[in-house]
Amino acid sequence: MAKGYWIARVDVRDPEGYKGYVEAAAPAFREYGATFLARGGPFEALEGTARSRNVVIAFDSVETAKACYHSEQYQKAKAIRQRYAEAEMIIVEGYDG
């Protein structure tokens, strides 16, 4: 089964308020076995419009990635994130091997 990845590009408007999102999302990420591959580190913009924070999260499958996003716990966290940040998020299927 192919892995599933969240790819998020985020501009945080209020770093203090955003901490509430990080705390609220953590239980959903634990429950669904999320592994952070990139989480807001340094980056180089090569093309297009960059955002200040870039995140890549791996899940065992696309179905698991979707289930995490649509979970009640994550939806509560999402509501907090939307108050303090602008984001673009996608789920993409990865390759095995």
PDB file of N, CA and C in Angstrom:
ATOM      1  N   MET A   1       0.846  -1.185   0.000  1.00  0.00           N
ATOM      2  CA  MET A   1       0.000   0.000   0.000  1.00  0.00           C
ATOM      3  C   MET A   1       0.889   1.245   0.000  1.00  0.00           C
ATOM      4  N   ALA A   2       0.564   2.203  -0.838  1.00  0.00           N
ATOM      5  CA  ALA A   2       1.346   3.435  -0.945  1.00  0.00           C
ATOM      6  C   ALA A   2       1.131   4.329   0.272  1.00  0.00           C
ATOM      7  N   LYS A   3       2.185   4.985   0.676  1.00  0.00           N
ATOM      8  CA  LYS A   3       2.080   5.949   1.779  1.00  0.00           C
ATOM      9  C   LYS A   3       1.280   7.167   1.334  1.00  0.00           C
ATOM     10  N   GLY A   4       0.765   7.896   2.318  1.00  0.00           N
ATOM     11  CA  GLY A   4       0.072   9.151   2.062  1.00  0.00           C
ATOM     12  C   GLY A   4       0.824  10.271   2.752  1.00  0.00           C
ATOM     13  N   TYR A   5       0.879  11.427   2.119  1.00  0.00           N
ATOM     14  CA  TYR A   5       1.613  12.573   2.665  1.00  0.00           C
ATOM     15  C   TYR A   5       0.727  13.806   2.687  1.00  0.00           C
ATOM     16  N   TRP A   6       0.759  14.502   3.818  1.00  0.00           N
ATOM     17  CA  TRP A   6       0.211  15.857   3.862  1.00  0.00           C
ATOM     18  C   TRP A   6       1.344  16.780   3.457  1.00  0.00           C
ATOM     19  N   ILE A   7       1.054  17.705   2.581  1.00  0.00           N
ATOM     20  CA  ILE A   7       1.992  18.780   2.266  1.00  0.00           C
ATOM     21  C   ILE A   7       1.257  20.079   2.564  1.00  0.00           C
ATOM     22  N   ALA A   8       1.815  20.841   3.490  1.00  0.00           N
ATOM     23  CA  ALA A   8       1.181  22.097   3.909  1.00  0.00           C
ATOM     24  C   ALA A   8       2.156  23.247   3.728  1.00  0.00           C
ATOM     25  N   ARG A   9       1.626  24.338   3.204  1.00  0.00           N
ATOM     26  CA  ARG A   9       2.386  25.584   3.069  1.00  0.00           C
ATOM     27  C   ARG A   9       1.616  26.617   3.875  1.00  0.00           C
ATOM     28  N   VAL A  10       2.290  27.238   4.846  1.00  0.00           N
ATOM     29  CA  VAL A  10       1.576  28.038   5.842  1.00  0.00           C
ATOM     30  C   VAL A  10       2.265  29.382   6.065  1.00  0.00           C
ATOM     31  N   ASP A  11       1.457  30.421   6.207  1.00  0.00           N
ATOM     32  CA  ASP A  11       1.921  31.726   6.701  1.00  0.00           C
ATOM     33  C   ASP A  11       1.222  31.953   8.037  1.00  0.00           C
ATOM     34  N   VAL A  12       2.003  31.992   9.099  1.00  0.00           N
ATOM     35  CA  VAL A  12       1.469  32.177  10.443  1.00  0.00           C
ATOM     36  C   VAL A  12       1.364  33.673  10.725  1.00  0.00           C
ATOM     37  N   ARG A  13       0.160  34.130  11.065  1.00  0.00           N
ATOM     38  CA  ARG A  13      -0.055  35.544  11.384  1.00  0.00           C
ATOM     39  C   ARG A  13       0.222  35.842  12.852  1.00  0.00           C
ATOM     40  N   ASP A  14      -0.053  34.870  13.717  1.00  0.00           N
ATOM     41  CA  ASP A  14       0.089  35.057  15.161  1.00  0.00           C
ATOM     42  C   ASP A  14       0.783  33.827  15.751  1.00  0.00           C
ATOM     43  N   PRO A  15       2.105  33.877  15.928  1.00  0.00           N
ATOM     44  CA  PRO A  15       2.842  32.714  16.422  1.00  0.00           C
ATOM     45  C   PRO A  15       2.360  32.213  17.792  1.00  0.00           C
ATOM     46  N   GLU A  16       1.975  33.107  18.669  1.00  0.00           N
ATOM     47  CA  GLU A  16       1.496  32.681  19.987  1.00  0.00           C
ATOM     48  C   GLU A  16       0.178  31.922  19.862  1.00  0.00           C
ATOM     49  N   GLY A  17      -0.742  32.449  19.082  1.00  0.00           N
ATOM     50  CA  GLY A  17      -2.017  31.777  18.869  1.00  0.00           C
ATOM     51  C   GLY A  17      -1.848  30.446  18.151  1.00  0.00           C
ATOM     52  N   TYR A  18      -0.888  30.368  17.233  1.00  0.00           N
ATOM     53  CA  TYR A  18      -0.627  29.159  16.455  1.00  0.00           C
ATOM     54  C   TYR A  18      -0.173  28.003  17.348  1.00  0.00           C
ATOM     55  N   LYS A  19       0.433  28.318  18.465  1.00  0.00           N
ATOM     56  CA  LYS A  19       0.862  27.268  19.397  1.00  0.00           C
ATOM     57  C   LYS A  19      -0.341  26.445  19.868  1.00  0.00           C
ATOM     58  N   GLY A  20      -1.499  27.072  19.967  1.00  0.00           N
ATOM     59  CA  GLY A  20      -2.711  26.351  20.344  1.00  0.00           C
ATOM     60  C   GLY A  20      -3.096  25.306  19.306  1.00  0.00           C
ATOM     61  N   TYR A  21      -2.875  25.622  18.037  1.00  0.00           N
ATOM     62  CA  TYR A  21      -3.117  24.654  16.966  1.00  0.00           C
ATOM     63  C   TYR A  21      -2.176  23.464  17.105  1.00  0.00           C
ATOM     64  N   VAL A  22      -0.904  23.734  17.299  1.00  0.00           N
ATOM     65  CA  VAL A  22       0.091  22.669  17.413  1.00  0.00           C
ATOM     66  C   VAL A  22      -0.290  21.717  18.552  1.00  0.00           C
ATOM     67  N   GLU A  23      -0.683  22.279  19.680  1.00  0.00           N
ATOM     68  CA  GLU A  23      -1.089  21.451  20.833  1.00  0.00           C
ATOM     69  C   GLU A  23      -2.359  20.665  20.539  1.00  0.00           C
ATOM     70  N   ALA A  24      -3.330  21.300  19.901  1.00  0.00           N
ATOM     71  CA  ALA A  24      -4.606  20.643  19.633  1.00  0.00           C
ATOM     72  C   ALA A  24      -4.481  19.558  18.564  1.00  0.00           C
ATOM     73  N   ALA A  25      -3.560  19.715  17.617  1.00  0.00           N
ATOM     74  CA  ALA A  25      -3.398  18.745  16.532  1.00  0.00           C
ATOM     75  C   ALA A  25      -2.588  17.521  16.958  1.00  0.00           C
ATOM     76  N   ALA A  26      -1.755  17.659  17.968  1.00  0.00           N
ATOM     77  CA  ALA A  26      -0.849  16.577  18.371  1.00  0.00           C
ATOM     78  C   ALA A  26      -1.561  15.246  18.640  1.00  0.00           C
ATOM     79  N   PRO A  27      -2.690  15.225  19.364  1.00  0.00           N
ATOM     80  CA  PRO A  27      -3.355  13.929  19.603  1.00  0.00           C
ATOM     81  C   PRO A  27      -3.805  13.238  18.309  1.00  0.00           C
ATOM     82  N   ALA A  28      -4.285  13.991  17.342  1.00  0.00           N
ATOM     83  CA  ALA A  28      -4.701  13.398  16.065  1.00  0.00           C
ATOM     84  C   ALA A  28      -3.493  12.819  15.344  1.00  0.00           C
ATOM     85  N   PHE A  29      -2.391  13.550  15.347  1.00  0.00           N
ATOM     86  CA  PHE A  29      -1.191  13.042  14.683  1.00  0.00           C
ATOM     87  C   PHE A  29      -0.699  11.756  15.346  1.00  0.00           C
ATOM     88  N   ARG A  30      -0.743  11.696  16.674  1.00  0.00           N
ATOM     89  CA  ARG A  30      -0.345  10.471  17.374  1.00  0.00           C
ATOM     90  C   ARG A  30      -1.282   9.316  17.020  1.00  0.00           C
ATOM     91  N   GLU A  31      -2.579   9.586  17.067  1.00  0.00           N
ATOM     92  CA  GLU A  31      -3.566   8.538  16.809  1.00  0.00           C
ATOM     93  C   GLU A  31      -3.408   7.917  15.429  1.00  0.00           C
ATOM     94  N   TYR A  32      -3.080   8.733  14.439  1.00  0.00           N
ATOM     95  CA  TYR A  32      -3.003   8.255  13.063  1.00  0.00           C
ATOM     96  C   TYR A  32      -1.568   7.942  12.612  1.00  0.00           C
ATOM     97  N   GLY A  33      -0.638   7.927  13.548  1.00  0.00           N
ATOM     98  CA  GLY A  33       0.732   7.508  13.241  1.00  0.00           C
ATOM     99  C   GLY A  33       1.502   8.441  12.336  1.00  0.00           C
ATOM    100  N   ALA A  34       1.249   9.735  12.433  1.00  0.00           N
ATOM    101  CA  ALA A  34       1.930  10.725  11.593  1.00  0.00           C
ATOM    102  C   ALA A  34       3.423  10.790  11.910  1.00  0.00           C
ATOM    103  N   THR A  35       4.232  10.925  10.867  1.00  0.00           N
ATOM    104  CA  THR A  35       5.666  11.131  11.007  1.00  0.00           C
ATOM    105  C   THR A  35       6.022  12.419  10.276  1.00  0.00           C
ATOM    106  N   PHE A  36       6.582  13.380  11.001  1.00  0.00           N
ATOM    107  CA  PHE A  36       6.962  14.653  10.381  1.00  0.00           C
ATOM    108  C   PHE A  36       8.293  14.497   9.661  1.00  0.00           C
ATOM    109  N   LEU A  37       8.293  14.794   8.365  1.00  0.00           N
ATOM    110  CA  LEU A  37       9.508  14.733   7.561  1.00  0.00           C
ATOM    111  C   LEU A  37      10.132  16.109   7.406  1.00  0.00           C
ATOM    112  N   ALA A  38       9.314  17.126   7.392  1.00  0.00           N
ATOM    113  CA  ALA A  38       9.768  18.522   7.353  1.00  0.00           C
ATOM    114  C   ALA A  38       8.757  19.317   8.155  1.00  0.00           C
ATOM    115  N   ARG A  39       9.271  20.238   8.957  1.00  0.00           N
ATOM    116  CA  ARG A  39       8.360  20.985   9.833  1.00  0.00           C
ATOM    117  C   ARG A  39       8.882  22.403  10.052  1.00  0.00           C
ATOM    118  N   GLY A  40       8.695  23.238   9.042  1.00  0.00           N
ATOM    119  CA  GLY A  40       9.004  24.645   9.204  1.00  0.00           C
ATOM    120  C   GLY A  40      10.476  25.000   9.184  1.00  0.00           C
ATOM    121  N   GLY A  41      11.337  24.133   8.670  1.00  0.00           N
ATOM    122  CA  GLY A  41      12.770  24.424   8.637  1.00  0.00           C
ATOM    123  C   GLY A  41      13.136  25.400   7.527  1.00  0.00           C
ATOM    124  N   PRO A  42      14.423  25.711   7.437  1.00  0.00           N
ATOM    125  CA  PRO A  42      14.896  26.609   6.379  1.00  0.00           C
ATOM    126  C   PRO A  42      14.563  26.031   4.998  1.00  0.00           C
ATOM    127  N   PHE A  43      14.317  26.911   4.041  1.00  0.00           N
ATOM    128  CA  PHE A  43      14.003  26.466   2.686  1.00  0.00           C
ATOM    129  C   PHE A  43      14.516  27.485   1.685  1.00  0.00           C
ATOM    130  N   GLU A  44      14.572  27.079   0.441  1.00  0.00           N
ATOM    131  CA  GLU A  44      14.926  27.968  -0.663  1.00  0.00           C
ATOM    132  C   GLU A  44      13.790  27.943  -1.668  1.00  0.00           C
ATOM    133  N   ALA A  45      13.203  29.084  -1.935  1.00  0.00           N
ATOM    134  CA  ALA A  45      12.118  29.188  -2.915  1.00  0.00           C
ATOM    135  C   ALA A  45      12.726  29.177  -4.308  1.00  0.00           C
ATOM    136  N   LEU A  46      12.308  28.246  -5.131  1.00  0.00           N
ATOM    137  CA  LEU A  46      12.855  28.136  -6.483  1.00  0.00           C
ATOM    138  C   LEU A  46      11.917  28.692  -7.540  1.00  0.00           C
ATOM    139  N   GLU A  47      10.623  28.469  -7.386  1.00  0.00           N
ATOM    140  CA  GLU A  47       9.632  28.967  -8.338  1.00  0.00           C
ATOM    141  C   GLU A  47       8.329  29.245  -7.610  1.00  0.00           C
ATOM    142  N   GLY A  48       7.550  30.161  -8.140  1.00  0.00           N
ATOM    143  CA  GLY A  48       6.242  30.448  -7.565  1.00  0.00           C
ATOM    144  C   GLY A  48       6.323  31.247  -6.279  1.00  0.00           C
ATOM    145  N   THR A  49       5.180  31.384  -5.630  1.00  0.00           N
ATOM    146  CA  THR A  49       5.068  32.153  -4.398  1.00  0.00           C
ATOM    147  C   THR A  49       5.293  31.229  -3.209  1.00  0.00           C
ATOM    148  N   ALA A  50       6.263  31.566  -2.388  1.00  0.00           N
ATOM    149  CA  ALA A  50       6.571  30.752  -1.208  1.00  0.00           C
ATOM    150  C   ALA A  50       5.751  31.223  -0.016  1.00  0.00           C
ATOM    151  N   ARG A  51       5.554  30.325   0.918  1.00  0.00           N
ATOM    152  CA  ARG A  51       4.991  30.659   2.223  1.00  0.00           C
ATOM    153  C   ARG A  51       6.101  30.463   3.239  1.00  0.00           C
ATOM    154  N   SER A  52       5.913  31.032   4.419  1.00  0.00           N
ATOM    155  CA  SER A  52       6.991  31.060   5.406  1.00  0.00           C
ATOM    156  C   SER A  52       7.232  29.733   6.119  1.00  0.00           C
ATOM    157  N   ARG A  53       6.257  28.834   6.100  1.00  0.00           N
ATOM    158  CA  ARG A  53       6.374  27.560   6.822  1.00  0.00           C
ATOM    159  C   ARG A  53       5.920  26.438   5.892  1.00  0.00           C
ATOM    160  N   ASN A  54       6.734  25.403   5.796  1.00  0.00           N
ATOM    161  CA  ASN A  54       6.431  24.266   4.928  1.00  0.00           C
ATOM    162  C   ASN A  54       6.514  22.991   5.751  1.00  0.00           C
ATOM    163  N   VAL A  55       5.495  22.134   5.604  1.00  0.00           N
ATOM    164  CA  VAL A  55       5.404  20.932   6.426  1.00  0.00           C
ATOM    165  C   VAL A  55       5.088  19.741   5.531  1.00  0.00           C
ATOM    166  N   VAL A  56       5.796  18.623   5.765  1.00  0.00           N
ATOM    167  CA  VAL A  56       5.509  17.362   5.092  1.00  0.00           C
ATOM    168  C   VAL A  56       5.331  16.306   6.179  1.00  0.00           C
ATOM    169  N   ILE A  57       4.173  15.636   6.155  1.00  0.00           N
ATOM    170  CA  ILE A  57       3.848  14.625   7.167  1.00  0.00           C
ATOM    171  C   ILE A  57       3.517  13.325   6.448  1.00  0.00           C
ATOM    172  N   ALA A  58       4.165  12.236   6.874  1.00  0.00           N
ATOM    173  CA  ALA A  58       3.937  10.921   6.276  1.00  0.00           C
ATOM    174  C   ALA A  58       2.948  10.110   7.109  1.00  0.00           C
ATOM    175  N   PHE A  59       2.097   9.362   6.399  1.00  0.00           N
ATOM    176  CA  PHE A  59       1.156   8.434   7.002  1.00  0.00           C
ATOM    177  C   PHE A  59       1.314   7.086   6.300  1.00  0.00           C
ATOM    178  N   ASP A  60       0.836   6.026   6.930  1.00  0.00           N
ATOM    179  CA  ASP A  60       0.956   4.691   6.348  1.00  0.00           C
ATOM    180  C   ASP A  60       0.247   4.546   5.008  1.00  0.00           C
ATOM    181  N   SER A  61      -0.796   5.351   4.791  1.00  0.00           N
ATOM    182  CA  SER A  61      -1.565   5.259   3.546  1.00  0.00           C
ATOM    183  C   SER A  61      -2.297   6.575   3.295  1.00  0.00           C
ATOM    184  N   VAL A  62      -2.766   6.741   2.087  1.00  0.00           N
ATOM    185  CA  VAL A  62      -3.585   7.904   1.745  1.00  0.00           C
ATOM    186  C   VAL A  62      -4.858   7.891   2.587  1.00  0.00           C
ATOM    187  N   GLU A  63      -5.430   6.707   2.787  1.00  0.00           N
ATOM    188  CA  GLU A  63      -6.657   6.596   3.569  1.00  0.00           C
ATOM    189  C   GLU A  63      -6.433   7.069   5.003  1.00  0.00           C
ATOM    190  N   THR A  64      -5.285   6.713   5.582  1.00  0.00           N
ATOM    191  CA  THR A  64      -4.965   7.155   6.937  1.00  0.00           C
ATOM    192  C   THR A  64      -4.751   8.653   6.978  1.00  0.00           C
ATOM    193  N   ALA A  65      -4.085   9.202   5.966  1.00  0.00           N
ATOM    194  CA  ALA A  65      -3.867  10.655   5.895  1.00  0.00           C
ATOM    195  C   ALA A  65      -5.204  11.392   5.834  1.00  0.00           C
ATOM    196  N   LYS A  66      -6.128  10.879   5.036  1.00  0.00           N
ATOM    197  CA  LYS A  66      -7.456  11.494   4.921  1.00  0.00           C
ATOM    198  C   LYS A  66      -8.230  11.351   6.231  1.00  0.00           C
ATOM    199  N   ALA A  67      -8.143  10.179   6.842  1.00  0.00           N
ATOM    200  CA  ALA A  67      -8.869   9.950   8.096  1.00  0.00           C
ATOM    201  C   ALA A  67      -8.385  10.904   9.179  1.00  0.00           C
ATOM    202  N   CYS A  68      -7.083  11.144   9.241  1.00  0.00           N
ATOM    203  CA  CYS A  68      -6.549  12.089  10.220  1.00  0.00           C
ATOM    204  C   CYS A  68      -7.115  13.480   9.970  1.00  0.00           C
ATOM    205  N   TYR A  69      -7.049  13.927   8.722  1.00  0.00           N
ATOM    206  CA  TYR A  69      -7.538  15.272   8.390  1.00  0.00           C
ATOM    207  C   TYR A  69      -9.011  15.439   8.758  1.00  0.00           C
ATOM    208  N   HIS A  70      -9.811  14.441   8.461  1.00  0.00           N
ATOM    209  CA  HIS A  70     -11.258  14.534   8.680  1.00  0.00           C
ATOM    210  C   HIS A  70     -11.691  14.152  10.093  1.00  0.00           C
ATOM    211  N   SER A  71     -10.737  13.739  10.932  1.00  0.00           N
ATOM    212  CA  SER A  71     -11.083  13.333  12.301  1.00  0.00           C
ATOM    213  C   SER A  71     -11.620  14.523  13.095  1.00  0.00           C
ATOM    214  N   GLU A  72     -12.463  14.212  14.062  1.00  0.00           N
ATOM    215  CA  GLU A  72     -13.026  15.253  14.925  1.00  0.00           C
ATOM    216  C   GLU A  72     -11.917  16.035  15.631  1.00  0.00           C
ATOM    217  N   GLN A  73     -10.902  15.316  16.119  1.00  0.00           N
ATOM    218  CA  GLN A  73      -9.799  15.970  16.825  1.00  0.00           C
ATOM    219  C   GLN A  73      -9.067  16.959  15.924  1.00  0.00           C
ATOM    220  N   TYR A  74      -8.742  16.547  14.678  1.00  0.00           N
ATOM    221  CA  TYR A  74      -8.015  17.467  13.802  1.00  0.00           C
ATOM    222  C   TYR A  74      -8.893  18.630  13.361  1.00  0.00           C
ATOM    223  N   GLN A  75     -10.163  18.393  13.142  1.00  0.00           N
ATOM    224  CA  GLN A  75     -11.048  19.488  12.733  1.00  0.00           C
ATOM    225  C   GLN A  75     -11.116  20.567  13.806  1.00  0.00           C
ATOM    226  N   LYS A  76     -11.051  20.179  15.072  1.00  0.00           N
ATOM    227  CA  LYS A  76     -10.988  21.174  16.152  1.00  0.00           C
ATOM    228  C   LYS A  76      -9.688  21.976  16.055  1.00  0.00           C
ATOM    229  N   ALA A  77      -8.586  21.274  15.796  1.00  0.00           N
ATOM    230  CA  ALA A  77      -7.297  21.953  15.660  1.00  0.00           C
ATOM    231  C   ALA A  77      -7.306  22.875  14.435  1.00  0.00           C
ATOM    232  N   LYS A  78      -7.886  22.411  13.351  1.00  0.00           N
ATOM    233  CA  LYS A  78      -7.969  23.206  12.117  1.00  0.00           C
ATOM    234  C   LYS A  78      -8.668  24.542  12.368  1.00  0.00           C
ATOM    235  N   ALA A  79      -9.732  24.515  13.153  1.00  0.00           N
ATOM    236  CA  ALA A  79     -10.458  25.752  13.466  1.00  0.00           C
ATOM    237  C   ALA A  79      -9.541  26.744  14.180  1.00  0.00           C
ATOM    238  N   ILE A  80      -8.678  26.255  15.036  1.00  0.00           N
ATOM    239  CA  ILE A  80      -7.710  27.136  15.710  1.00  0.00           C
ATOM    240  C   ILE A  80      -6.704  27.659  14.692  1.00  0.00           C
ATOM    241  N   ARG A  81      -6.159  26.751  13.857  1.00  0.00           N
ATOM    242  CA  ARG A  81      -5.163  27.160  12.851  1.00  0.00           C
ATOM    243  C   ARG A  81      -5.700  28.251  11.953  1.00  0.00           C
ATOM    244  N   GLN A  82      -6.940  28.120  11.536  1.00  0.00           N
ATOM    245  CA  GLN A  82      -7.505  29.090  10.604  1.00  0.00           C
ATOM    246  C   GLN A  82      -7.649  30.481  11.210  1.00  0.00           C
ATOM    247  N   ARG A  83      -7.681  30.570  12.522  1.00  0.00           N
ATOM    248  CA  ARG A  83      -7.724  31.894  13.164  1.00  0.00           C
ATOM    249  C   ARG A  83      -6.370  32.592  13.118  1.00  0.00           C
ATOM    250  N   TYR A  84      -5.291  31.804  13.078  1.00  0.00           N
ATOM    251  CA  TYR A  84      -3.953  32.376  13.249  1.00  0.00           C
ATOM    252  C   TYR A  84      -3.027  32.215  12.055  1.00  0.00           C
ATOM    253  N   ALA A  85      -3.500  31.542  10.991  1.00  0.00           N
ATOM    254  CA  ALA A  85      -2.620  31.292   9.852  1.00  0.00           C
ATOM    255  C   ALA A  85      -3.424  31.104   8.574  1.00  0.00           C
ATOM    256  N   GLU A  86      -2.754  31.345   7.456  1.00  0.00           N
ATOM    257  CA  GLU A  86      -3.285  31.035   6.128  1.00  0.00           C
ATOM    258  C   GLU A  86      -2.520  29.809   5.648  1.00  0.00           C
ATOM    259  N   ALA A  87      -3.223  28.843   5.065  1.00  0.00           N
ATOM    260  CA  ALA A  87      -2.541  27.616   4.658  1.00  0.00           C
ATOM    261  C   ALA A  87      -3.109  27.048   3.371  1.00  0.00           C
ATOM    262  N   GLU A  88      -2.273  26.323   2.685  1.00  0.00           N
ATOM    263  CA  GLU A  88      -2.657  25.477   1.556  1.00  0.00           C
ATOM    264  C   GLU A  88      -2.215  24.078   1.948  1.00  0.00           C
ATOM    265  N   MET A  89      -3.113  23.122   1.858  1.00  0.00           N
ATOM    266  CA  MET A  89      -2.789  21.752   2.250  1.00  0.00           C
ATOM    267  C   MET A  89      -3.296  20.785   1.194  1.00  0.00           C
ATOM    268  N   ILE A  90      -2.471  19.777   0.916  1.00  0.00           N
ATOM    269  CA  ILE A  90      -2.882  18.709   0.008  1.00  0.00           C
ATOM    270  C   ILE A  90      -2.480  17.376   0.613  1.00  0.00           C
ATOM    271  N   ILE A  91      -3.123  16.320   0.149  1.00  0.00           N
ATOM    272  CA  ILE A  91      -2.699  14.958   0.448  1.00  0.00           C
ATOM    273  C   ILE A  91      -2.262  14.362  -0.866  1.00  0.00           C
ATOM    274  N   VAL A  92      -1.080  13.747  -0.868  1.00  0.00           N
ATOM    275  CA  VAL A  92      -0.543  13.155  -2.086  1.00  0.00           C
ATOM    276  C   VAL A  92      -0.142  11.703  -1.794  1.00  0.00           C
ATOM    277  N   GLU A  93      -0.362  10.850  -2.775  1.00  0.00           N
ATOM    278  CA  GLU A  93       0.035   9.454  -2.658  1.00  0.00           C
ATOM    279  C   GLU A  93       1.513   9.328  -2.983  1.00  0.00           C
ATOM    280  N   GLY A  94       2.227   8.585  -2.166  1.00  0.00           N
ATOM    281  CA  GLY A  94       3.652   8.363  -2.403  1.00  0.00           C
ATOM    282  C   GLY A  94       3.896   6.991  -2.970  1.00  0.00           C
ATOM    283  N   TYR A  95       5.148   6.710  -3.229  1.00  0.00           N
ATOM    284  CA  TYR A  95       5.561   5.421  -3.772  1.00  0.00           C
ATOM    285  C   TYR A  95       6.180   4.567  -2.691  1.00  0.00           C
ATOM    286  N   ASP A  96       6.004   3.278  -2.806  1.00  0.00           N
ATOM    287  CA  ASP A  96       6.697   2.350  -1.934  1.00  0.00           C
ATOM    288  C   ASP A  96       8.027   1.993  -2.596  1.00  0.00           C
ATOM    289  N   GLY A  97       9.081   2.130  -1.851  1.00  0.00           N
ATOM    290  CA  GLY A  97      10.382   1.707  -2.366  1.00  0.00           C
ATOM    291  C   GLY A  97      11.100   2.662  -3.202  1.00  0.00           C
TER     292      GLY A  97
END
